[in-house]
Amino acid sequence: MFEPTSRYYPIETVKMTITDREGQTRVMAYKRRRFIPSLDGTVTIVEHFVTEGDRLDNLTARYLGDPVQFWRVCDANLALLPDELTDEPGESIRIALPKF
């Protein structure tokens, strides 16, 4: 269902049976809640200073080689909203990967 590079790939999929008012049942599958992992399990590869016009997808393409890996940068900076990382020129953001 999710690519191995997705943040949701390792999260368990669970199923729940629902019965509606008419007695019809269906099974709904969903992923368990994902928590931002501890920073202890990462290594910083670069500290980037935001400039006007920076976009997170472009930064992850440059530093990680894949624009859809923006979530790794969000996790490394404990950010829930990706756009907040590039809103303020001059601020630094951590580009990190998991330790192996």
PDB file of N, CA and C in Angstrom:
ATOM      1  N   MET A   1       0.812  -1.187   0.000  1.00  0.00           N
ATOM      2  CA  MET A   1       0.000   0.000   0.000  1.00  0.00           C
ATOM      3  C   MET A   1       0.862   1.260   0.000  1.00  0.00           C
ATOM      4  N   PHE A   2       1.927   1.301   0.788  1.00  0.00           N
ATOM      5  CA  PHE A   2       2.840   2.437   0.815  1.00  0.00           C
ATOM      6  C   PHE A   2       4.214   1.986   0.332  1.00  0.00           C
ATOM      7  N   GLU A   3       4.906   2.884  -0.348  1.00  0.00           N
ATOM      8  CA  GLU A   3       6.267   2.609  -0.810  1.00  0.00           C
ATOM      9  C   GLU A   3       7.192   2.458   0.394  1.00  0.00           C
ATOM     10  N   PRO A   4       8.272   1.687   0.273  1.00  0.00           N
ATOM     11  CA  PRO A   4       9.212   1.523   1.388  1.00  0.00           C
ATOM     12  C   PRO A   4       9.831   2.830   1.873  1.00  0.00           C
ATOM     13  N   THR A   5       9.856   3.870   1.052  1.00  0.00           N
ATOM     14  CA  THR A   5      10.413   5.158   1.469  1.00  0.00           C
ATOM     15  C   THR A   5       9.390   6.061   2.151  1.00  0.00           C
ATOM     16  N   SER A   6       8.148   5.605   2.259  1.00  0.00           N
ATOM     17  CA  SER A   6       7.098   6.396   2.888  1.00  0.00           C
ATOM     18  C   SER A   6       7.238   6.380   4.410  1.00  0.00           C
ATOM     19  N   ARG A   7       6.862   7.478   5.037  1.00  0.00           N
ATOM     20  CA  ARG A   7       6.881   7.536   6.506  1.00  0.00           C
ATOM     21  C   ARG A   7       5.868   6.580   7.119  1.00  0.00           C
ATOM     22  N   TYR A   8       4.883   6.144   6.329  1.00  0.00           N
ATOM     23  CA  TYR A   8       3.850   5.255   6.843  1.00  0.00           C
ATOM     24  C   TYR A   8       4.130   3.782   6.598  1.00  0.00           C
ATOM     25  N   TYR A   9       5.134   3.489   5.810  1.00  0.00           N
ATOM     26  CA  TYR A   9       5.434   2.099   5.451  1.00  0.00           C
ATOM     27  C   TYR A   9       5.611   1.184   6.672  1.00  0.00           C
ATOM     28  N   PRO A  10       6.410   1.587   7.674  1.00  0.00           N
ATOM     29  CA  PRO A  10       6.624   0.664   8.805  1.00  0.00           C
ATOM     30  C   PRO A  10       5.490   0.631   9.835  1.00  0.00           C
ATOM     31  N   ILE A  11       4.499   1.496   9.673  1.00  0.00           N
ATOM     32  CA  ILE A  11       3.409   1.573  10.640  1.00  0.00           C
ATOM     33  C   ILE A  11       2.419   0.431  10.396  1.00  0.00           C
ATOM     34  N   GLU A  12       2.006  -0.200  11.470  1.00  0.00           N
ATOM     35  CA  GLU A  12       1.071  -1.331  11.369  1.00  0.00           C
ATOM     36  C   GLU A  12      -0.269  -0.903  10.774  1.00  0.00           C
ATOM     37  N   THR A  13      -0.800  -1.733   9.891  1.00  0.00           N
ATOM     38  CA  THR A  13      -2.151  -1.544   9.363  1.00  0.00           C
ATOM     39  C   THR A  13      -3.086  -2.420  10.180  1.00  0.00           C
ATOM     40  N   VAL A  14      -4.166  -1.830  10.650  1.00  0.00           N
ATOM     41  CA  VAL A  14      -5.147  -2.585  11.433  1.00  0.00           C
ATOM     42  C   VAL A  14      -6.497  -2.515  10.739  1.00  0.00           C
ATOM     43  N   LYS A  15      -7.373  -3.437  11.087  1.00  0.00           N
ATOM     44  CA  LYS A  15      -8.699  -3.485  10.484  1.00  0.00           C
ATOM     45  C   LYS A  15      -9.757  -3.423  11.574  1.00  0.00           C
ATOM     46  N   MET A  16     -10.870  -2.789  11.215  1.00  0.00           N
ATOM     47  CA  MET A  16     -11.981  -2.663  12.140  1.00  0.00           C
ATOM     48  C   MET A  16     -13.260  -2.977  11.373  1.00  0.00           C
ATOM     49  N   THR A  17     -14.128  -3.798  11.951  1.00  0.00           N
ATOM     50  CA  THR A  17     -15.407  -4.120  11.337  1.00  0.00           C
ATOM     51  C   THR A  17     -16.451  -3.148  11.858  1.00  0.00           C
ATOM     52  N   ILE A  18     -17.183  -2.559  10.924  1.00  0.00           N
ATOM     53  CA  ILE A  18     -18.203  -1.569  11.266  1.00  0.00           C
ATOM     54  C   ILE A  18     -19.554  -2.081  10.764  1.00  0.00           C
ATOM     55  N   THR A  19     -20.553  -1.953  11.605  1.00  0.00           N
ATOM     56  CA  THR A  19     -21.916  -2.310  11.220  1.00  0.00           C
ATOM     57  C   THR A  19     -22.748  -1.040  11.204  1.00  0.00           C
ATOM     58  N   ASP A  20     -23.407  -0.757  10.063  1.00  0.00           N
ATOM     59  CA  ASP A  20     -24.213   0.464   9.970  1.00  0.00           C
ATOM     60  C   ASP A  20     -25.619   0.216  10.519  1.00  0.00           C
ATOM     61  N   ARG A  21     -26.462   1.203  10.444  1.00  0.00           N
ATOM     62  CA  ARG A  21     -27.816   1.131  11.014  1.00  0.00           C
ATOM     63  C   ARG A  21     -28.698   0.096  10.336  1.00  0.00           C
ATOM     64  N   GLU A  22     -28.386  -0.197   9.087  1.00  0.00           N
ATOM     65  CA  GLU A  22     -29.172  -1.194   8.349  1.00  0.00           C
ATOM     66  C   GLU A  22     -28.643  -2.611   8.567  1.00  0.00           C
ATOM     67  N   GLY A  23     -27.615  -2.753   9.368  1.00  0.00           N
ATOM     68  CA  GLY A  23     -27.064  -4.065   9.645  1.00  0.00           C
ATOM     69  C   GLY A  23     -25.992  -4.514   8.664  1.00  0.00           C
ATOM     70  N   GLN A  24     -25.640  -3.666   7.721  1.00  0.00           N
ATOM     71  CA  GLN A  24     -24.571  -3.982   6.762  1.00  0.00           C
ATOM     72  C   GLN A  24     -23.212  -3.807   7.455  1.00  0.00           C
ATOM     73  N   THR A  25     -22.345  -4.762   7.230  1.00  0.00           N
ATOM     74  CA  THR A  25     -21.016  -4.651   7.830  1.00  0.00           C
ATOM     75  C   THR A  25     -19.971  -4.451   6.741  1.00  0.00           C
ATOM     76  N   ARG A  26     -18.940  -3.775   7.105  1.00  0.00           N
ATOM     77  CA  ARG A  26     -17.798  -3.580   6.214  1.00  0.00           C
ATOM     78  C   ARG A  26     -16.543  -3.500   7.059  1.00  0.00           C
ATOM     79  N   VAL A  27     -15.452  -3.802   6.427  1.00  0.00           N
ATOM     80  CA  VAL A  27     -14.164  -3.769   7.118  1.00  0.00           C
ATOM     81  C   VAL A  27     -13.415  -2.528   6.647  1.00  0.00           C
ATOM     82  N   MET A  28     -12.929  -1.760   7.610  1.00  0.00           N
ATOM     83  CA  MET A  28     -12.129  -0.577   7.302  1.00  0.00           C
ATOM     84  C   MET A  28     -10.699  -0.828   7.758  1.00  0.00           C
ATOM     85  N   ALA A  29      -9.763  -0.564   6.870  1.00  0.00           N
ATOM     86  CA  ALA A  29      -8.346  -0.703   7.199  1.00  0.00           C
ATOM     87  C   ALA A  29      -7.760   0.690   7.391  1.00  0.00           C
ATOM     88  N   TYR A  30      -6.872   0.819   8.361  1.00  0.00           N
ATOM     89  CA  TYR A  30      -6.218   2.103   8.604  1.00  0.00           C
ATOM     90  C   TYR A  30      -4.857   1.868   9.236  1.00  0.00           C
ATOM     91  N   LYS A  31      -4.034   2.871   9.153  1.00  0.00           N
ATOM     92  CA  LYS A  31      -2.712   2.828   9.782  1.00  0.00           C
ATOM     93  C   LYS A  31      -2.833   3.350  11.207  1.00  0.00           C
ATOM     94  N   ARG A  32      -2.072   2.754  12.092  1.00  0.00           N
ATOM     95  CA  ARG A  32      -2.026   3.277  13.455  1.00  0.00           C
ATOM     96  C   ARG A  32      -1.407   4.664  13.430  1.00  0.00           C
ATOM     97  N   ARG A  33      -1.562   5.376  14.496  1.00  0.00           N
ATOM     98  CA  ARG A  33      -1.031   6.736  14.598  1.00  0.00           C
ATOM     99  C   ARG A  33       0.492   6.724  14.510  1.00  0.00           C
ATOM    100  N   ARG A  34       1.031   7.681  13.781  1.00  0.00           N
ATOM    101  CA  ARG A  34       2.484   7.816  13.652  1.00  0.00           C
ATOM    102  C   ARG A  34       2.953   8.943  14.562  1.00  0.00           C
ATOM    103  N   PHE A  35       3.965   8.645  15.374  1.00  0.00           N
ATOM    104  CA  PHE A  35       4.573   9.644  16.239  1.00  0.00           C
ATOM    105  C   PHE A  35       5.916  10.048  15.649  1.00  0.00           C
ATOM    106  N   ILE A  36       6.291  11.302  15.837  1.00  0.00           N
ATOM    107  CA  ILE A  36       7.597  11.753  15.374  1.00  0.00           C
ATOM    108  C   ILE A  36       8.646  11.007  16.199  1.00  0.00           C
ATOM    109  N   PRO A  37       9.587  10.339  15.523  1.00  0.00           N
ATOM    110  CA  PRO A  37      10.587   9.566  16.254  1.00  0.00           C
ATOM    111  C   PRO A  37      11.583  10.450  17.000  1.00  0.00           C
ATOM    112  N   SER A  38      12.248   9.859  17.956  1.00  0.00           N
ATOM    113  CA  SER A  38      13.263  10.553  18.743  1.00  0.00           C
ATOM    114  C   SER A  38      14.421  10.992  17.849  1.00  0.00           C
ATOM    115  N   LEU A  39      14.978  12.138  18.158  1.00  0.00           N
ATOM    116  CA  LEU A  39      16.128  12.637  17.401  1.00  0.00           C
ATOM    117  C   LEU A  39      17.388  11.837  17.691  1.00  0.00           C
ATOM    118  N   ASP A  40      17.386  11.038  18.753  1.00  0.00           N
ATOM    119  CA  ASP A  40      18.548  10.214  19.098  1.00  0.00           C
ATOM    120  C   ASP A  40      18.893   9.216  17.996  1.00  0.00           C
ATOM    121  N   GLY A  41      17.910   8.850  17.206  1.00  0.00           N
ATOM    122  CA  GLY A  41      18.131   7.856  16.164  1.00  0.00           C
ATOM    123  C   GLY A  41      18.537   8.450  14.823  1.00  0.00           C
ATOM    124  N   THR A  42      18.927   9.734  14.814  1.00  0.00           N
ATOM    125  CA  THR A  42      19.294  10.380  13.552  1.00  0.00           C
ATOM    126  C   THR A  42      20.699  10.957  13.604  1.00  0.00           C
ATOM    127  N   VAL A  43      21.224  11.206  12.436  1.00  0.00           N
ATOM    128  CA  VAL A  43      22.515  11.875  12.307  1.00  0.00           C
ATOM    129  C   VAL A  43      22.337  13.039  11.334  1.00  0.00           C
ATOM    130  N   THR A  44      22.793  14.216  11.738  1.00  0.00           N
ATOM    131  CA  THR A  44      22.676  15.399  10.893  1.00  0.00           C
ATOM    132  C   THR A  44      23.703  15.320   9.776  1.00  0.00           C
ATOM    133  N   ILE A  45      23.235  15.507   8.540  1.00  0.00           N
ATOM    134  CA  ILE A  45      24.171  15.501   7.417  1.00  0.00           C
ATOM    135  C   ILE A  45      24.539  16.917   6.993  1.00  0.00           C
ATOM    136  N   VAL A  46      23.635  17.881   7.252  1.00  0.00           N
ATOM    137  CA  VAL A  46      23.929  19.281   6.943  1.00  0.00           C
ATOM    138  C   VAL A  46      22.944  20.172   7.698  1.00  0.00           C
ATOM    139  N   GLU A  47      23.399  21.365   8.018  1.00  0.00           N
ATOM    140  CA  GLU A  47      22.520  22.390   8.567  1.00  0.00           C
ATOM    141  C   GLU A  47      22.327  23.414   7.450  1.00  0.00           C
ATOM    142  N   HIS A  48      21.085  23.630   7.061  1.00  0.00           N
ATOM    143  CA  HIS A  48      20.773  24.532   5.950  1.00  0.00           C
ATOM    144  C   HIS A  48      20.196  25.830   6.504  1.00  0.00           C
ATOM    145  N   PHE A  49      20.707  26.958   6.013  1.00  0.00           N
ATOM    146  CA  PHE A  49      20.165  28.255   6.402  1.00  0.00           C
ATOM    147  C   PHE A  49      19.183  28.700   5.321  1.00  0.00           C
ATOM    148  N   VAL A  50      17.954  28.915   5.725  1.00  0.00           N
ATOM    149  CA  VAL A  50      16.861  29.221   4.809  1.00  0.00           C
ATOM    150  C   VAL A  50      17.098  30.567   4.121  1.00  0.00           C
ATOM    151  N   THR A  51      16.883  30.564   2.808  1.00  0.00           N
ATOM    152  CA  THR A  51      16.923  31.803   2.035  1.00  0.00           C
ATOM    153  C   THR A  51      15.541  32.041   1.424  1.00  0.00           C
ATOM    154  N   GLU A  52      15.295  33.264   1.009  1.00  0.00           N
ATOM    155  CA  GLU A  52      14.021  33.627   0.400  1.00  0.00           C
ATOM    156  C   GLU A  52      13.730  32.707  -0.783  1.00  0.00           C
ATOM    157  N   GLY A  53      12.540  32.142  -0.823  1.00  0.00           N
ATOM    158  CA  GLY A  53      12.139  31.283  -1.926  1.00  0.00           C
ATOM    159  C   GLY A  53      12.462  29.810  -1.752  1.00  0.00           C
ATOM    160  N   ASP A  54      13.145  29.439  -0.663  1.00  0.00           N
ATOM    161  CA  ASP A  54      13.413  28.020  -0.419  1.00  0.00           C
ATOM    162  C   ASP A  54      12.103  27.256  -0.296  1.00  0.00           C
ATOM    163  N   ARG A  55      12.099  26.054  -0.856  1.00  0.00           N
ATOM    164  CA  ARG A  55      10.968  25.135  -0.720  1.00  0.00           C
ATOM    165  C   ARG A  55      11.507  23.814  -0.200  1.00  0.00           C
ATOM    166  N   LEU A  56      10.758  23.211   0.678  1.00  0.00           N
ATOM    167  CA  LEU A  56      11.206  21.972   1.309  1.00  0.00           C
ATOM    168  C   LEU A  56      11.415  20.843   0.313  1.00  0.00           C
ATOM    169  N   ASP A  57      10.559  20.734  -0.702  1.00  0.00           N
ATOM    170  CA  ASP A  57      10.743  19.673  -1.694  1.00  0.00           C
ATOM    171  C   ASP A  57      12.044  19.864  -2.473  1.00  0.00           C
ATOM    172  N   ASN A  58      12.383  21.114  -2.790  1.00  0.00           N
ATOM    173  CA  ASN A  58      13.648  21.375  -3.486  1.00  0.00           C
ATOM    174  C   ASN A  58      14.856  21.084  -2.598  1.00  0.00           C
ATOM    175  N   LEU A  59      14.740  21.407  -1.313  1.00  0.00           N
ATOM    176  CA  LEU A  59      15.847  21.139  -0.386  1.00  0.00           C
ATOM    177  C   LEU A  59      16.073  19.645  -0.207  1.00  0.00           C
ATOM    178  N   THR A  60      14.991  18.876  -0.099  1.00  0.00           N
ATOM    179  CA  THR A  60      15.173  17.431   0.069  1.00  0.00           C
ATOM    180  C   THR A  60      15.662  16.792  -1.217  1.00  0.00           C
ATOM    181  N   ALA A  61      15.295  17.346  -2.351  1.00  0.00           N
ATOM    182  CA  ALA A  61      15.842  16.848  -3.621  1.00  0.00           C
ATOM    183  C   ALA A  61      17.343  17.106  -3.663  1.00  0.00           C
ATOM    184  N   ARG A  62      17.766  18.279  -3.217  1.00  0.00           N
ATOM    185  CA  ARG A  62      19.188  18.626  -3.233  1.00  0.00           C
ATOM    186  C   ARG A  62      19.998  17.784  -2.246  1.00  0.00           C
ATOM    187  N   TYR A  63      19.527  17.688  -1.011  1.00  0.00           N
ATOM    188  CA  TYR A  63      20.318  17.042   0.034  1.00  0.00           C
ATOM    189  C   TYR A  63      20.087  15.533   0.158  1.00  0.00           C
ATOM    190  N   LEU A  64      18.874  15.089  -0.127  1.00  0.00           N
ATOM    191  CA  LEU A  64      18.555  13.667   0.045  1.00  0.00           C
ATOM    192  C   LEU A  64      18.303  12.938  -1.270  1.00  0.00           C
ATOM    193  N   GLY A  65      18.229  13.695  -2.364  1.00  0.00           N
ATOM    194  CA  GLY A  65      18.052  13.081  -3.671  1.00  0.00           C
ATOM    195  C   GLY A  65      16.626  12.674  -3.995  1.00  0.00           C
ATOM    196  N   ASP A  66      15.651  13.100  -3.179  1.00  0.00           N
ATOM    197  CA  ASP A  66      14.261  12.709  -3.395  1.00  0.00           C
ATOM    198  C   ASP A  66      13.344  13.775  -2.790  1.00  0.00           C
ATOM    199  N   PRO A  67      12.593  14.498  -3.611  1.00  0.00           N
ATOM    200  CA  PRO A  67      11.756  15.579  -3.079  1.00  0.00           C
ATOM    201  C   PRO A  67      10.626  15.125  -2.165  1.00  0.00           C
ATOM    202  N   VAL A  68      10.202  13.882  -2.257  1.00  0.00           N
ATOM    203  CA  VAL A  68       9.107  13.426  -1.393  1.00  0.00           C
ATOM    204  C   VAL A  68       9.583  12.979  -0.012  1.00  0.00           C
ATOM    205  N   GLN A  69      10.866  13.088   0.236  1.00  0.00           N
ATOM    206  CA  GLN A  69      11.403  12.752   1.562  1.00  0.00           C
ATOM    207  C   GLN A  69      11.389  13.949   2.510  1.00  0.00           C
ATOM    208  N   PHE A  70      10.604  14.972   2.170  1.00  0.00           N
ATOM    209  CA  PHE A  70      10.505  16.169   3.006  1.00  0.00           C
ATOM    210  C   PHE A  70      10.148  15.828   4.450  1.00  0.00           C
ATOM    211  N   TRP A  71       9.436  14.733   4.635  1.00  0.00           N
ATOM    212  CA  TRP A  71       9.005  14.347   5.984  1.00  0.00           C
ATOM    213  C   TRP A  71      10.194  14.033   6.888  1.00  0.00           C
ATOM    214  N   ARG A  72      11.307  13.592   6.302  1.00  0.00           N
ATOM    215  CA  ARG A  72      12.508  13.342   7.109  1.00  0.00           C
ATOM    216  C   ARG A  72      13.035  14.645   7.706  1.00  0.00           C
ATOM    217  N   VAL A  73      12.975  15.713   6.923  1.00  0.00           N
ATOM    218  CA  VAL A  73      13.425  17.022   7.409  1.00  0.00           C
ATOM    219  C   VAL A  73      12.458  17.527   8.482  1.00  0.00           C
ATOM    220  N   CYS A  74      11.169  17.319   8.280  1.00  0.00           N
ATOM    221  CA  CYS A  74      10.187  17.695   9.302  1.00  0.00           C
ATOM    222  C   CYS A  74      10.466  16.961  10.610  1.00  0.00           C
ATOM    223  N   ASP A  75      10.687  15.653  10.522  1.00  0.00           N
ATOM    224  CA  ASP A  75      10.979  14.869  11.727  1.00  0.00           C
ATOM    225  C   ASP A  75      12.245  15.364  12.417  1.00  0.00           C
ATOM    226  N   ALA A  76      13.286  15.659  11.636  1.00  0.00           N
ATOM    227  CA  ALA A  76      14.566  16.086  12.204  1.00  0.00           C
ATOM    228  C   ALA A  76      14.467  17.440  12.898  1.00  0.00           C
ATOM    229  N   ASN A  77      13.423  18.198  12.561  1.00  0.00           N
ATOM    230  CA  ASN A  77      13.231  19.514  13.165  1.00  0.00           C
ATOM    231  C   ASN A  77      11.986  19.571  14.043  1.00  0.00           C
ATOM    232  N   LEU A  78      11.407  18.396  14.321  1.00  0.00           N
ATOM    233  CA  LEU A  78      10.205  18.270  15.155  1.00  0.00           C
ATOM    234  C   LEU A  78       9.092  19.197  14.674  1.00  0.00           C
ATOM    235  N   ALA A  79       8.930  19.285  13.353  1.00  0.00           N
ATOM    236  CA  ALA A  79       7.921  20.161  12.751  1.00  0.00           C
ATOM    237  C   ALA A  79       6.725  19.355  12.286  1.00  0.00           C
ATOM    238  N   LEU A  80       5.541  19.818  12.637  1.00  0.00           N
ATOM    239  CA  LEU A  80       4.320  19.183  12.168  1.00  0.00           C
ATOM    240  C   LEU A  80       3.841  19.821  10.866  1.00  0.00           C
ATOM    241  N   LEU A  81       4.175  21.080  10.646  1.00  0.00           N
ATOM    242  CA  LEU A  81       3.755  21.799   9.445  1.00  0.00           C
ATOM    243  C   LEU A  81       4.981  22.079   8.580  1.00  0.00           C
ATOM    244  N   PRO A  82       5.114  21.406   7.443  1.00  0.00           N
ATOM    245  CA  PRO A  82       6.310  21.547   6.611  1.00  0.00           C
ATOM    246  C   PRO A  82       6.643  22.978   6.208  1.00  0.00           C
ATOM    247  N   ASP A  83       5.631  23.774   5.877  1.00  0.00           N
ATOM    248  CA  ASP A  83       5.893  25.133   5.409  1.00  0.00           C
ATOM    249  C   ASP A  83       6.555  26.022   6.460  1.00  0.00           C
ATOM    250  N   GLU A  84       6.347  25.705   7.723  1.00  0.00           N
ATOM    251  CA  GLU A  84       6.936  26.549   8.770  1.00  0.00           C
ATOM    252  C   GLU A  84       8.466  26.480   8.769  1.00  0.00           C
ATOM    253  N   LEU A  85       9.023  25.442   8.180  1.00  0.00           N
ATOM    254  CA  LEU A  85      10.486  25.306   8.154  1.00  0.00           C
ATOM    255  C   LEU A  85      11.166  26.288   7.209  1.00  0.00           C
ATOM    256  N   THR A  86      10.458  26.726   6.177  1.00  0.00           N
ATOM    257  CA  THR A  86      11.064  27.628   5.197  1.00  0.00           C
ATOM    258  C   THR A  86      10.423  29.018   5.194  1.00  0.00           C
ATOM    259  N   ASP A  87       9.586  29.294   6.158  1.00  0.00           N
ATOM    260  CA  ASP A  87       8.901  30.588   6.223  1.00  0.00           C
ATOM    261  C   ASP A  87       9.834  31.752   6.556  1.00  0.00           C
ATOM    262  N   GLU A  88      10.844  31.518   7.349  1.00  0.00           N
ATOM    263  CA  GLU A  88      11.666  32.591   7.892  1.00  0.00           C
ATOM    264  C   GLU A  88      13.099  32.530   7.371  1.00  0.00           C
ATOM    265  N   PRO A  89      13.446  33.370   6.375  1.00  0.00           N
ATOM    266  CA  PRO A  89      14.833  33.394   5.890  1.00  0.00           C
ATOM    267  C   PRO A  89      15.814  33.670   7.038  1.00  0.00           C
ATOM    268  N   GLY A  90      16.937  32.980   6.984  1.00  0.00           N
ATOM    269  CA  GLY A  90      17.955  33.122   8.027  1.00  0.00           C
ATOM    270  C   GLY A  90      17.901  32.038   9.083  1.00  0.00           C
ATOM    271  N   GLU A  91      16.737  31.411   9.246  1.00  0.00           N
ATOM    272  CA  GLU A  91      16.606  30.315  10.210  1.00  0.00           C
ATOM    273  C   GLU A  91      17.353  29.093   9.681  1.00  0.00           C
ATOM    274  N   SER A  92      17.824  28.276  10.593  1.00  0.00           N
ATOM    275  CA  SER A  92      18.505  27.054  10.155  1.00  0.00           C
ATOM    276  C   SER A  92      17.586  25.853  10.345  1.00  0.00           C
ATOM    277  N   ILE A  93      17.712  24.917   9.430  1.00  0.00           N
ATOM    278  CA  ILE A  93      16.991  23.662   9.556  1.00  0.00           C
ATOM    279  C   ILE A  93      17.983  22.510   9.426  1.00  0.00           C
ATOM    280  N   ARG A  94      17.695  21.488  10.143  1.00  0.00           N
ATOM    281  CA  ARG A  94      18.550  20.299  10.196  1.00  0.00           C
ATOM    282  C   ARG A  94      18.116  19.315   9.121  1.00  0.00           C
ATOM    283  N   ILE A  95      19.070  18.854   8.321  1.00  0.00           N
ATOM    284  CA  ILE A  95      18.810  17.800   7.349  1.00  0.00           C
ATOM    285  C   ILE A  95      19.474  16.554   7.934  1.00  0.00           C
ATOM    286  N   ALA A  96      18.663  15.549   8.257  1.00  0.00           N
ATOM    287  CA  ALA A  96      19.181  14.381   8.967  1.00  0.00           C
ATOM    288  C   ALA A  96      18.627  13.095   8.368  1.00  0.00           C
ATOM    289  N   LEU A  97      19.335  12.034   8.630  1.00  0.00           N
ATOM    290  CA  LEU A  97      18.922  10.685   8.223  1.00  0.00           C
ATOM    291  C   LEU A  97      19.017   9.754   9.427  1.00  0.00           C
ATOM    292  N   PRO A  98      18.305   8.626   9.383  1.00  0.00           N
ATOM    293  CA  PRO A  98      18.391   7.675  10.487  1.00  0.00           C
ATOM    294  C   PRO A  98      19.803   7.088  10.586  1.00  0.00           C
ATOM    295  N   LYS A  99      20.216   6.819  11.827  1.00  0.00           N
ATOM    296  CA  LYS A  99      21.486   6.109  12.043  1.00  0.00           C
ATOM    297  C   LYS A  99      21.307   4.655  11.609  1.00  0.00           C
ATOM    298  N   PHE A 100      22.355   4.086  11.068  1.00  0.00           N
ATOM    299  CA  PHE A 100      22.282   2.670  10.680  1.00  0.00           C
ATOM    300  C   PHE A 100      23.153   1.841  11.562  1.00  0.00           C
TER     301      PHE A 100
END
